[in-house]
Amino acid sequence: SLSGETFKLSSSPMQSTPRPGWIIVLTGGSEQEGFSWTLYGIS
């Protein structure tokens, strides 16, 4: 993240790897398994 945090994301086949400036919302999961996520917006 821009604040320096690192996130392990569990991405579906239809999700592209998040790009710089994308605003994502973590919707579930854990640090160990990976977080599910959705795109919220683009900076």
PDB file of all heavy atoms in Angstrom:
ATOM      1  N   SER A   1       0.848  -1.194   0.000  1.00  0.00           N
ATOM      2  CA  SER A   1       0.000   0.000   0.000  1.00  0.00           C
ATOM      3  C   SER A   1       0.884   1.244   0.000  1.00  0.00           C
ATOM      4  O   SER A   1       2.085   1.166   0.272  1.00  0.00           O
ATOM      5  CB  SER A   1      -0.915   0.014   1.230  1.00  0.00           C
ATOM      6  OG  SER A   1      -0.170   0.284   2.395  1.00  0.00           O
ATOM      7  N   LEU A   2       0.286   2.380  -0.279  1.00  0.00           N
ATOM      8  CA  LEU A   2       1.026   3.642  -0.239  1.00  0.00           C
ATOM      9  C   LEU A   2       1.556   3.945   1.163  1.00  0.00           C
ATOM     10  O   LEU A   2       2.568   4.620   1.315  1.00  0.00           O
ATOM     11  CB  LEU A   2       0.157   4.801  -0.725  1.00  0.00           C
ATOM     12  CG  LEU A   2      -0.129   4.848  -2.222  1.00  0.00           C
ATOM     13  CD1 LEU A   2      -1.012   6.048  -2.555  1.00  0.00           C
ATOM     14  CD2 LEU A   2       1.159   4.898  -3.035  1.00  0.00           C
ATOM     15  N   SER A   3       0.893   3.391   2.175  1.00  0.00           N
ATOM     16  CA  SER A   3       1.349   3.612   3.555  1.00  0.00           C
ATOM     17  C   SER A   3       2.417   2.605   3.980  1.00  0.00           C
ATOM     18  O   SER A   3       2.878   2.642   5.120  1.00  0.00           O
ATOM     19  CB  SER A   3       0.158   3.577   4.515  1.00  0.00           C
ATOM     20  OG  SER A   3      -0.462   2.312   4.480  1.00  0.00           O
ATOM     21  N   GLY A   4       2.815   1.695   3.079  1.00  0.00           N
ATOM     22  CA  GLY A   4       3.896   0.762   3.365  1.00  0.00           C
ATOM     23  C   GLY A   4       3.483  -0.611   3.850  1.00  0.00           C
ATOM     24  O   GLY A   4       4.324  -1.479   4.051  1.00  0.00           O
ATOM     25  N   GLU A   5       2.189  -0.836   4.049  1.00  0.00           N
ATOM     26  CA  GLU A   5       1.724  -2.159   4.473  1.00  0.00           C
ATOM     27  C   GLU A   5       1.776  -3.130   3.298  1.00  0.00           C
ATOM     28  O   GLU A   5       1.560  -2.736   2.157  1.00  0.00           O
ATOM     29  CB  GLU A   5       0.289  -2.083   4.986  1.00  0.00           C
ATOM     30  CG  GLU A   5       0.106  -1.205   6.197  1.00  0.00           C
ATOM     31  CD  GLU A   5      -1.355  -1.000   6.514  1.00  0.00           C
ATOM     32  OE1 GLU A   5      -2.016  -0.270   5.756  1.00  0.00           O
ATOM     33  OE2 GLU A   5      -1.807  -1.592   7.510  1.00  0.00           O
ATOM     34  N   THR A   6       2.039  -4.398   3.592  1.00  0.00           N
ATOM     35  CA  THR A   6       2.040  -5.433   2.565  1.00  0.00           C
ATOM     36  C   THR A   6       0.846  -6.341   2.800  1.00  0.00           C
ATOM     37  O   THR A   6       0.588  -6.753   3.929  1.00  0.00           O
ATOM     38  CB  THR A   6       3.347  -6.247   2.617  1.00  0.00           C
ATOM     39  OG1 THR A   6       4.443  -5.355   2.418  1.00  0.00           O
ATOM     40  CG2 THR A   6       3.377  -7.312   1.538  1.00  0.00           C
ATOM     41  N   PHE A   7       0.115  -6.640   1.728  1.00  0.00           N
ATOM     42  CA  PHE A   7      -1.065  -7.498   1.810  1.00  0.00           C
ATOM     43  C   PHE A   7      -0.935  -8.677   0.863  1.00  0.00           C
ATOM     44  O   PHE A   7      -0.553  -8.514  -0.293  1.00  0.00           O
ATOM     45  CB  PHE A   7      -2.333  -6.727   1.424  1.00  0.00           C
ATOM     46  CG  PHE A   7      -2.666  -5.587   2.336  1.00  0.00           C
ATOM     47  CD1 PHE A   7      -2.362  -4.287   1.967  1.00  0.00           C
ATOM     48  CD2 PHE A   7      -3.265  -5.809   3.560  1.00  0.00           C
ATOM     49  CE1 PHE A   7      -2.669  -3.226   2.794  1.00  0.00           C
ATOM     50  CE2 PHE A   7      -3.570  -4.752   4.397  1.00  0.00           C
ATOM     51  CZ  PHE A   7      -3.270  -3.458   4.013  1.00  0.00           C
ATOM     52  N   LYS A   8      -1.264  -9.852   1.372  1.00  0.00           N
ATOM     53  CA  LYS A   8      -1.369 -11.061   0.564  1.00  0.00           C
ATOM     54  C   LYS A   8      -2.834 -11.163   0.152  1.00  0.00           C
ATOM     55  O   LYS A   8      -3.721 -11.234   1.013  1.00  0.00           O
ATOM     56  CB  LYS A   8      -0.944 -12.266   1.408  1.00  0.00           C
ATOM     57  CG  LYS A   8      -1.063 -13.594   0.724  1.00  0.00           C
ATOM     58  CD  LYS A   8      -0.596 -14.680   1.703  1.00  0.00           C
ATOM     59  CE  LYS A   8      -0.843 -16.053   1.187  1.00  0.00           C
ATOM     60  NZ  LYS A   8      -0.445 -17.079   2.176  1.00  0.00           N
ATOM     61  N   LEU A   9      -3.094 -11.103  -1.155  1.00  0.00           N
ATOM     62  CA  LEU A   9      -4.462 -11.106  -1.661  1.00  0.00           C
ATOM     63  C   LEU A   9      -4.778 -12.433  -2.345  1.00  0.00           C
ATOM     64  O   LEU A   9      -3.983 -12.930  -3.139  1.00  0.00           O
ATOM     65  CB  LEU A   9      -4.655  -9.974  -2.670  1.00  0.00           C
ATOM     66  CG  LEU A   9      -4.312  -8.568  -2.194  1.00  0.00           C
ATOM     67  CD1 LEU A   9      -4.438  -7.588  -3.350  1.00  0.00           C
ATOM     68  CD2 LEU A   9      -5.198  -8.162  -1.030  1.00  0.00           C
ATOM     69  N   SER A  10      -5.922 -12.976  -2.061  1.00  0.00           N
ATOM     70  CA  SER A  10      -6.406 -14.178  -2.726  1.00  0.00           C
ATOM     71  C   SER A  10      -7.272 -13.707  -3.897  1.00  0.00           C
ATOM     72  O   SER A  10      -8.393 -13.247  -3.703  1.00  0.00           O
ATOM     73  CB  SER A  10      -7.220 -15.018  -1.745  1.00  0.00           C
ATOM     74  OG  SER A  10      -7.722 -16.165  -2.385  1.00  0.00           O
ATOM     75  N   SER A  11      -6.727 -13.802  -5.103  1.00  0.00           N
ATOM     76  CA  SER A  11      -7.399 -13.241  -6.282  1.00  0.00           C
ATOM     77  C   SER A  11      -8.079 -14.322  -7.112  1.00  0.00           C
ATOM     78  O   SER A  11      -7.535 -15.413  -7.298  1.00  0.00           O
ATOM     79  CB  SER A  11      -6.388 -12.487  -7.150  1.00  0.00           C
ATOM     80  OG  SER A  11      -5.852 -11.397  -6.430  1.00  0.00           O
ATOM     81  N   SER A  12      -9.254 -14.000  -7.609  1.00  0.00           N
ATOM     82  CA  SER A  12      -9.994 -14.933  -8.460  1.00  0.00           C
ATOM     83  C   SER A  12      -9.422 -14.898  -9.878  1.00  0.00           C
ATOM     84  O   SER A  12      -8.671 -13.984 -10.228  1.00  0.00           O
ATOM     85  CB  SER A  12     -11.477 -14.547  -8.484  1.00  0.00           C
ATOM     86  OG  SER A  12     -11.689 -13.445  -9.341  1.00  0.00           O
ATOM     87  N   PRO A  13      -9.786 -15.864 -10.704  1.00  0.00           N
ATOM     88  CA  PRO A  13      -9.284 -15.864 -12.085  1.00  0.00           C
ATOM     89  C   PRO A  13      -9.665 -14.608 -12.870  1.00  0.00           C
ATOM     90  O   PRO A  13      -8.952 -14.209 -13.781  1.00  0.00           O
ATOM     91  CB  PRO A  13      -9.935 -17.096 -12.711  1.00  0.00           C
ATOM     92  CG  PRO A  13     -10.298 -17.973 -11.573  1.00  0.00           C
ATOM     93  CD  PRO A  13     -10.600 -17.052 -10.436  1.00  0.00           C
ATOM     94  N   MET A  14     -10.750 -13.967 -12.515  1.00  0.00           N
ATOM     95  CA  MET A  14     -11.215 -12.795 -13.261  1.00  0.00           C
ATOM     96  C   MET A  14     -10.683 -11.480 -12.703  1.00  0.00           C
ATOM     97  O   MET A  14     -11.044 -10.411 -13.174  1.00  0.00           O
ATOM     98  CB  MET A  14     -12.744 -12.767 -13.303  1.00  0.00           C
ATOM     99  CG  MET A  14     -13.331 -13.912 -14.072  1.00  0.00           C
ATOM    100  SD  MET A  14     -12.748 -13.835 -15.780  1.00  0.00           S
ATOM    101  CE  MET A  14     -12.956 -15.504 -16.289  1.00  0.00           C
ATOM    102  N   GLN A  15      -9.819 -11.538 -11.675  1.00  0.00           N
ATOM    103  CA  GLN A  15      -9.240 -10.329 -11.107  1.00  0.00           C
ATOM    104  C   GLN A  15      -7.813 -10.143 -11.611  1.00  0.00           C
ATOM    105  O   GLN A  15      -6.989 -11.054 -11.494  1.00  0.00           O
ATOM    106  CB  GLN A  15      -9.228 -10.386  -9.576  1.00  0.00           C
ATOM    107  CG  GLN A  15     -10.593 -10.226  -8.950  1.00  0.00           C
ATOM    108  CD  GLN A  15     -10.536 -10.355  -7.446  1.00  0.00           C
ATOM    109  OE1 GLN A  15     -10.042 -11.331  -6.915  1.00  0.00           O
ATOM    110  NE2 GLN A  15     -11.061  -9.338  -6.753  1.00  0.00           N
ATOM    111  N   SER A  16      -7.538  -8.979 -12.153  1.00  0.00           N
ATOM    112  CA  SER A  16      -6.166  -8.633 -12.525  1.00  0.00           C
ATOM    113  C   SER A  16      -5.401  -8.263 -11.263  1.00  0.00           C
ATOM    114  O   SER A  16      -5.989  -7.859 -10.262  1.00  0.00           O
ATOM    115  CB  SER A  16      -6.152  -7.430 -13.475  1.00  0.00           C
ATOM    116  OG  SER A  16      -6.746  -7.752 -14.698  1.00  0.00           O
ATOM    117  N   THR A  17      -4.091  -8.373 -11.308  1.00  0.00           N
ATOM    118  CA  THR A  17      -3.269  -7.929 -10.188  1.00  0.00           C
ATOM    119  C   THR A  17      -3.491  -6.429  -9.989  1.00  0.00           C
ATOM    120  O   THR A  17      -3.424  -5.668 -10.955  1.00  0.00           O
ATOM    121  CB  THR A  17      -1.779  -8.205 -10.485  1.00  0.00           C
ATOM    122  OG1 THR A  17      -1.616  -9.605 -10.686  1.00  0.00           O
ATOM    123  CG2 THR A  17      -0.898  -7.731  -9.347  1.00  0.00           C
ATOM    124  N   PRO A  18      -3.792  -5.992  -8.756  1.00  0.00           N
ATOM    125  CA  PRO A  18      -4.008  -4.566  -8.523  1.00  0.00           C
ATOM    126  C   PRO A  18      -2.810  -3.727  -8.954  1.00  0.00           C
ATOM    127  O   PRO A  18      -1.662  -4.114  -8.764  1.00  0.00           O
ATOM    128  CB  PRO A  18      -4.216  -4.481  -7.010  1.00  0.00           C
ATOM    129  CG  PRO A  18      -4.729  -5.829  -6.626  1.00  0.00           C
ATOM    130  CD  PRO A  18      -3.991  -6.774  -7.533  1.00  0.00           C
ATOM    131  N   ARG A  19      -3.100  -2.591  -9.553  1.00  0.00           N
ATOM    132  CA  ARG A  19      -2.068  -1.687 -10.071  1.00  0.00           C
ATOM    133  C   ARG A  19      -1.930  -0.472  -9.159  1.00  0.00           C
ATOM    134  O   ARG A  19      -2.854  -0.134  -8.412  1.00  0.00           O
ATOM    135  CB  ARG A  19      -2.456  -1.241 -11.473  1.00  0.00           C
ATOM    136  CG  ARG A  19      -2.473  -2.402 -12.437  1.00  0.00           C
ATOM    137  CD  ARG A  19      -2.583  -1.932 -13.875  1.00  0.00           C
ATOM    138  NE  ARG A  19      -2.505  -3.064 -14.762  1.00  0.00           N
ATOM    139  CZ  ARG A  19      -3.536  -3.549 -15.437  1.00  0.00           C
ATOM    140  NH1 ARG A  19      -4.718  -2.991 -15.336  1.00  0.00           N
ATOM    141  NH2 ARG A  19      -3.375  -4.601 -16.227  1.00  0.00           N
ATOM    142  N   PRO A  20      -0.777   0.211  -9.235  1.00  0.00           N
ATOM    143  CA  PRO A  20      -0.598   1.416  -8.426  1.00  0.00           C
ATOM    144  C   PRO A  20      -1.738   2.416  -8.638  1.00  0.00           C
ATOM    145  O   PRO A  20      -2.170   2.645  -9.766  1.00  0.00           O
ATOM    146  CB  PRO A  20       0.731   1.990  -8.943  1.00  0.00           C
ATOM    147  CG  PRO A  20       1.490   0.787  -9.418  1.00  0.00           C
ATOM    148  CD  PRO A  20       0.428  -0.099 -10.029  1.00  0.00           C
ATOM    149  N   GLY A  21      -2.247   2.936  -7.521  1.00  0.00           N
ATOM    150  CA  GLY A  21      -3.341   3.892  -7.573  1.00  0.00           C
ATOM    151  C   GLY A  21      -4.711   3.271  -7.399  1.00  0.00           C
ATOM    152  O   GLY A  21      -5.679   3.984  -7.136  1.00  0.00           O
ATOM    153  N   TRP A  22      -4.812   1.954  -7.519  1.00  0.00           N
ATOM    154  CA  TRP A  22      -6.099   1.299  -7.301  1.00  0.00           C
ATOM    155  C   TRP A  22      -6.429   1.360  -5.812  1.00  0.00           C
ATOM    156  O   TRP A  22      -5.570   1.140  -4.960  1.00  0.00           O
ATOM    157  CB  TRP A  22      -6.074  -0.150  -7.724  1.00  0.00           C
ATOM    158  CG  TRP A  22      -6.103  -0.389  -9.204  1.00  0.00           C
ATOM    159  CD1 TRP A  22      -5.802   0.497 -10.193  1.00  0.00           C
ATOM    160  CD2 TRP A  22      -6.425  -1.613  -9.847  1.00  0.00           C
ATOM    161  NE1 TRP A  22      -5.918  -0.102 -11.414  1.00  0.00           N
ATOM    162  CE2 TRP A  22      -6.304  -1.397 -11.231  1.00  0.00           C
ATOM    163  CE3 TRP A  22      -6.803  -2.864  -9.394  1.00  0.00           C
ATOM    164  CZ2 TRP A  22      -6.561  -2.395 -12.170  1.00  0.00           C
ATOM    165  CZ3 TRP A  22      -7.052  -3.855 -10.323  1.00  0.00           C
ATOM    166  CH2 TRP A  22      -6.939  -3.627 -11.692  1.00  0.00           C
ATOM    167  N   ILE A  23      -7.677   1.638  -5.501  1.00  0.00           N
ATOM    168  CA  ILE A  23      -8.149   1.621  -4.121  1.00  0.00           C
ATOM    169  C   ILE A  23      -8.929   0.326  -3.954  1.00  0.00           C
ATOM    170  O   ILE A  23      -9.912   0.093  -4.661  1.00  0.00           O
ATOM    171  CB  ILE A  23      -9.034   2.844  -3.828  1.00  0.00           C
ATOM    172  CG1 ILE A  23      -8.243   4.132  -4.091  1.00  0.00           C
ATOM    173  CG2 ILE A  23      -9.551   2.787  -2.388  1.00  0.00           C
ATOM    174  CD1 ILE A  23      -9.108   5.372  -4.161  1.00  0.00           C
ATOM    175  N   ILE A  24      -8.437  -0.533  -3.061  1.00  0.00           N
ATOM    176  CA  ILE A  24      -9.081  -1.826  -2.867  1.00  0.00           C
ATOM    177  C   ILE A  24      -9.654  -1.921  -1.459  1.00  0.00           C
ATOM    178  O   ILE A  24      -9.168  -1.275  -0.530  1.00  0.00           O
ATOM    179  CB  ILE A  24      -8.110  -2.997  -3.133  1.00  0.00           C
ATOM    180  CG1 ILE A  24      -6.900  -2.962  -2.196  1.00  0.00           C
ATOM    181  CG2 ILE A  24      -7.647  -2.987  -4.592  1.00  0.00           C
ATOM    182  CD1 ILE A  24      -6.009  -4.198  -2.284  1.00  0.00           C
ATOM    183  N   VAL A  25     -10.699  -2.729  -1.336  1.00  0.00           N
ATOM    184  CA  VAL A  25     -11.314  -2.994  -0.042  1.00  0.00           C
ATOM    185  C   VAL A  25     -11.127  -4.481   0.237  1.00  0.00           C
ATOM    186  O   VAL A  25     -11.461  -5.321  -0.600  1.00  0.00           O
ATOM    187  CB  VAL A  25     -12.821  -2.640  -0.061  1.00  0.00           C
ATOM    188  CG1 VAL A  25     -13.483  -3.042   1.250  1.00  0.00           C
ATOM    189  CG2 VAL A  25     -13.028  -1.161  -0.332  1.00  0.00           C
ATOM    190  N   LEU A  26     -10.562  -4.789   1.400  1.00  0.00           N
ATOM    191  CA  LEU A  26     -10.408  -6.180   1.816  1.00  0.00           C
ATOM    192  C   LEU A  26     -11.750  -6.648   2.348  1.00  0.00           C
ATOM    193  O   LEU A  26     -12.327  -6.011   3.236  1.00  0.00           O
ATOM    194  CB  LEU A  26      -9.316  -6.308   2.868  1.00  0.00           C
ATOM    195  CG  LEU A  26      -7.948  -5.726   2.473  1.00  0.00           C
ATOM    196  CD1 LEU A  26      -6.955  -5.889   3.616  1.00  0.00           C
ATOM    197  CD2 LEU A  26      -7.430  -6.338   1.199  1.00  0.00           C
ATOM    198  N   THR A  27     -12.266  -7.752   1.811  1.00  0.00           N
ATOM    199  CA  THR A  27     -13.631  -8.174   2.142  1.00  0.00           C
ATOM    200  C   THR A  27     -13.692  -9.436   2.988  1.00  0.00           C
ATOM    201  O   THR A  27     -14.779  -9.880   3.345  1.00  0.00           O
ATOM    202  CB  THR A  27     -14.445  -8.387   0.857  1.00  0.00           C
ATOM    203  OG1 THR A  27     -13.797  -9.365   0.040  1.00  0.00           O
ATOM    204  CG2 THR A  27     -14.600  -7.089   0.082  1.00  0.00           C
ATOM    205  N   GLY A  28     -12.566 -10.027   3.315  1.00  0.00           N
ATOM    206  CA  GLY A  28     -12.555 -11.239   4.136  1.00  0.00           C
ATOM    207  C   GLY A  28     -11.191 -11.882   4.079  1.00  0.00           C
ATOM    208  O   GLY A  28     -10.272 -11.377   3.444  1.00  0.00           O
ATOM    209  N   GLY A  29     -11.058 -13.006   4.757  1.00  0.00           N
ATOM    210  CA  GLY A  29      -9.810 -13.739   4.730  1.00  0.00           C
ATOM    211  C   GLY A  29      -8.908 -13.391   5.891  1.00  0.00           C
ATOM    212  O   GLY A  29      -9.331 -12.816   6.893  1.00  0.00           O
ATOM    213  N   SER A  30      -7.628 -13.757   5.737  1.00  0.00           N
ATOM    214  CA  SER A  30      -6.661 -13.542   6.805  1.00  0.00           C
ATOM    215  C   SER A  30      -5.272 -13.336   6.207  1.00  0.00           C
ATOM    216  O   SER A  30      -5.058 -13.571   5.018  1.00  0.00           O
ATOM    217  CB  SER A  30      -6.624 -14.761   7.732  1.00  0.00           C
ATOM    218  OG  SER A  30      -6.089 -15.882   7.039  1.00  0.00           O
ATOM    219  N   GLU A  31      -4.332 -12.933   7.056  1.00  0.00           N
ATOM    220  CA  GLU A  31      -2.955 -12.750   6.595  1.00  0.00           C
ATOM    221  C   GLU A  31      -2.363 -14.070   6.112  1.00  0.00           C
ATOM    222  O   GLU A  31      -1.593 -14.098   5.159  1.00  0.00           O
ATOM    223  CB  GLU A  31      -2.092 -12.171   7.716  1.00  0.00           C
ATOM    224  CG  GLU A  31      -2.405 -10.732   8.026  1.00  0.00           C
ATOM    225  CD  GLU A  31      -1.494 -10.169   9.101  1.00  0.00           C
ATOM    226  OE1 GLU A  31      -0.326 -10.597   9.183  1.00  0.00           O
ATOM    227  OE2 GLU A  31      -1.972  -9.309   9.849  1.00  0.00           O
ATOM    228  N   GLN A  32      -2.707 -15.167   6.764  1.00  0.00           N
ATOM    229  CA  GLN A  32      -2.156 -16.463   6.407  1.00  0.00           C
ATOM    230  C   GLN A  32      -2.737 -16.983   5.085  1.00  0.00           C
ATOM    231  O   GLN A  32      -2.005 -17.451   4.216  1.00  0.00           O
ATOM    232  CB  GLN A  32      -2.415 -17.507   7.504  1.00  0.00           C
ATOM    233  CG  GLN A  32      -1.625 -17.264   8.768  1.00  0.00           C
ATOM    234  CD  GLN A  32      -2.231 -16.147   9.622  1.00  0.00           C
ATOM    235  OE1 GLN A  32      -3.437 -15.888   9.564  1.00  0.00           O
ATOM    236  NE2 GLN A  32      -1.399 -15.478  10.393  1.00  0.00           N
ATOM    237  N   GLU A  33      -4.040 -16.936   4.935  1.00  0.00           N
ATOM    238  CA  GLU A  33      -4.722 -17.482   3.755  1.00  0.00           C
ATOM    239  C   GLU A  33      -4.746 -16.498   2.584  1.00  0.00           C
ATOM    240  O   GLU A  33      -4.905 -16.907   1.441  1.00  0.00           O
ATOM    241  CB  GLU A  33      -6.167 -17.856   4.114  1.00  0.00           C
ATOM    242  CG  GLU A  33      -6.282 -18.921   5.168  1.00  0.00           C
ATOM    243  CD  GLU A  33      -5.790 -20.265   4.674  1.00  0.00           C
ATOM    244  OE1 GLU A  33      -6.078 -20.621   3.510  1.00  0.00           O
ATOM    245  OE2 GLU A  33      -5.114 -20.952   5.454  1.00  0.00           O
ATOM    246  N   GLY A  34      -4.633 -15.242   2.884  1.00  0.00           N
ATOM    247  CA  GLY A  34      -4.798 -14.201   1.872  1.00  0.00           C
ATOM    248  C   GLY A  34      -6.168 -13.570   2.007  1.00  0.00           C
ATOM    249  O   GLY A  34      -7.138 -14.228   2.388  1.00  0.00           O
ATOM    250  N   PHE A  35      -6.241 -12.291   1.721  1.00  0.00           N
ATOM    251  CA  PHE A  35      -7.496 -11.551   1.839  1.00  0.00           C
ATOM    252  C   PHE A  35      -8.240 -11.555   0.513  1.00  0.00           C
ATOM    253  O   PHE A  35      -7.631 -11.379  -0.552  1.00  0.00           O
ATOM    254  CB  PHE A  35      -7.228 -10.088   2.229  1.00  0.00           C
ATOM    255  CG  PHE A  35      -6.666  -9.923   3.603  1.00  0.00           C
ATOM    256  CD1 PHE A  35      -5.312  -9.712   3.797  1.00  0.00           C
ATOM    257  CD2 PHE A  35      -7.498  -9.964   4.719  1.00  0.00           C
ATOM    258  CE1 PHE A  35      -4.789  -9.551   5.072  1.00  0.00           C
ATOM    259  CE2 PHE A  35      -6.988  -9.805   5.993  1.00  0.00           C
ATOM    260  CZ  PHE A  35      -5.623  -9.598   6.175  1.00  0.00           C
ATOM    261  N   SER A  36      -9.556 -11.741   0.570  1.00  0.00           N
ATOM    262  CA  SER A  36     -10.367 -11.501  -0.612  1.00  0.00           C
ATOM    263  C   SER A  36     -10.504  -9.983  -0.729  1.00  0.00           C
ATOM    264  O   SER A  36     -10.388  -9.263   0.264  1.00  0.00           O
ATOM    265  CB  SER A  36     -11.728 -12.196  -0.505  1.00  0.00           C
ATOM    266  OG  SER A  36     -12.383 -11.843   0.685  1.00  0.00           O
ATOM    267  N   TRP A  37     -10.733  -9.496  -1.950  1.00  0.00           N
ATOM    268  CA  TRP A  37     -10.737  -8.047  -2.147  1.00  0.00           C
ATOM    269  C   TRP A  37     -11.631  -7.667  -3.319  1.00  0.00           C
ATOM    270  O   TRP A  37     -11.995  -8.490  -4.141  1.00  0.00           O
ATOM    271  CB  TRP A  37      -9.318  -7.540  -2.383  1.00  0.00           C
ATOM    272  CG  TRP A  37      -8.672  -8.094  -3.628  1.00  0.00           C
ATOM    273  CD1 TRP A  37      -8.074  -9.309  -3.762  1.00  0.00           C
ATOM    274  CD2 TRP A  37      -8.603  -7.464  -4.903  1.00  0.00           C
ATOM    275  NE1 TRP A  37      -7.626  -9.480  -5.041  1.00  0.00           N
ATOM    276  CE2 TRP A  37      -7.931  -8.360  -5.775  1.00  0.00           C
ATOM    277  CE3 TRP A  37      -9.034  -6.242  -5.408  1.00  0.00           C
ATOM    278  CZ2 TRP A  37      -7.694  -8.060  -7.113  1.00  0.00           C
ATOM    279  CZ3 TRP A  37      -8.787  -5.949  -6.736  1.00  0.00           C
ATOM    280  CH2 TRP A  37      -8.123  -6.852  -7.571  1.00  0.00           C
ATOM    281  N   THR A  38     -11.971  -6.393  -3.348  1.00  0.00           N
ATOM    282  CA  THR A  38     -12.716  -5.842  -4.470  1.00  0.00           C
ATOM    283  C   THR A  38     -12.153  -4.452  -4.795  1.00  0.00           C
ATOM    284  O   THR A  38     -11.637  -3.773  -3.910  1.00  0.00           O
ATOM    285  CB  THR A  38     -14.231  -5.781  -4.165  1.00  0.00           C
ATOM    286  OG1 THR A  38     -14.938  -5.446  -5.351  1.00  0.00           O
ATOM    287  CG2 THR A  38     -14.553  -4.771  -3.080  1.00  0.00           C
ATOM    288  N   LEU A  39     -12.248  -4.099  -6.051  1.00  0.00           N
ATOM    289  CA  LEU A  39     -11.802  -2.765  -6.477  1.00  0.00           C
ATOM    290  C   LEU A  39     -12.848  -1.753  -6.058  1.00  0.00           C
ATOM    291  O   LEU A  39     -14.034  -1.902  -6.356  1.00  0.00           O
ATOM    292  CB  LEU A  39     -11.615  -2.753  -7.993  1.00  0.00           C
ATOM    293  CG  LEU A  39     -11.226  -1.412  -8.621  1.00  0.00           C
ATOM    294  CD1 LEU A  39      -9.862  -0.973  -8.127  1.00  0.00           C
ATOM    295  CD2 LEU A  39     -11.237  -1.520 -10.136  1.00  0.00           C
ATOM    296  N   TYR A  40     -12.414  -0.715  -5.351  1.00  0.00           N
ATOM    297  CA  TYR A  40     -13.317   0.338  -4.895  1.00  0.00           C
ATOM    298  C   TYR A  40     -13.235   1.570  -5.786  1.00  0.00           C
ATOM    299  O   TYR A  40     -14.219   2.230  -6.044  1.00  0.00           O
ATOM    300  CB  TYR A  40     -12.983   0.709  -3.452  1.00  0.00           C
ATOM    301  CG  TYR A  40     -13.858   1.793  -2.878  1.00  0.00           C
ATOM    302  CD1 TYR A  40     -15.164   1.524  -2.510  1.00  0.00           C
ATOM    303  CD2 TYR A  40     -13.368   3.083  -2.728  1.00  0.00           C
ATOM    304  CE1 TYR A  40     -15.974   2.530  -1.994  1.00  0.00           C
ATOM    305  CE2 TYR A  40     -14.170   4.080  -2.202  1.00  0.00           C
ATOM    306  CZ  TYR A  40     -15.473   3.803  -1.846  1.00  0.00           C
ATOM    307  OH  TYR A  40     -16.266   4.790  -1.351  1.00  0.00           O
ATOM    308  N   GLY A  41     -12.035   1.867  -6.284  1.00  0.00           N
ATOM    309  CA  GLY A  41     -11.853   3.053  -7.110  1.00  0.00           C
ATOM    310  C   GLY A  41     -10.425   3.159  -7.586  1.00  0.00           C
ATOM    311  O   GLY A  41      -9.584   2.318  -7.282  1.00  0.00           O
ATOM    312  N   ILE A  42     -10.144   4.211  -8.337  1.00  0.00           N
ATOM    313  CA  ILE A  42      -8.806   4.469  -8.846  1.00  0.00           C
ATOM    314  C   ILE A  42      -8.443   5.895  -8.505  1.00  0.00           C
ATOM    315  O   ILE A  42      -9.180   6.831  -8.827  1.00  0.00           O
ATOM    316  CB  ILE A  42      -8.730   4.230 -10.375  1.00  0.00           C
ATOM    317  CG1 ILE A  42      -9.085   2.759 -10.678  1.00  0.00           C
ATOM    318  CG2 ILE A  42      -7.360   4.568 -10.915  1.00  0.00           C
ATOM    319  CD1 ILE A  42      -9.177   2.438 -12.149  1.00  0.00           C
ATOM    320  N   SER A  43      -7.312   6.061  -7.829  1.00  0.00           N
ATOM    321  CA  SER A  43      -6.849   7.377  -7.415  1.00  0.00           C
ATOM    322  C   SER A  43      -6.528   8.245  -8.646  1.00  0.00           C
ATOM    323  O   SER A  43      -5.938   7.779  -9.603  1.00  0.00           O
ATOM    324  CB  SER A  43      -5.599   7.231  -6.540  1.00  0.00           C
ATOM    325  OG  SER A  43      -5.031   8.480  -6.291  1.00  0.00           O
TER     326      SER A  43
END
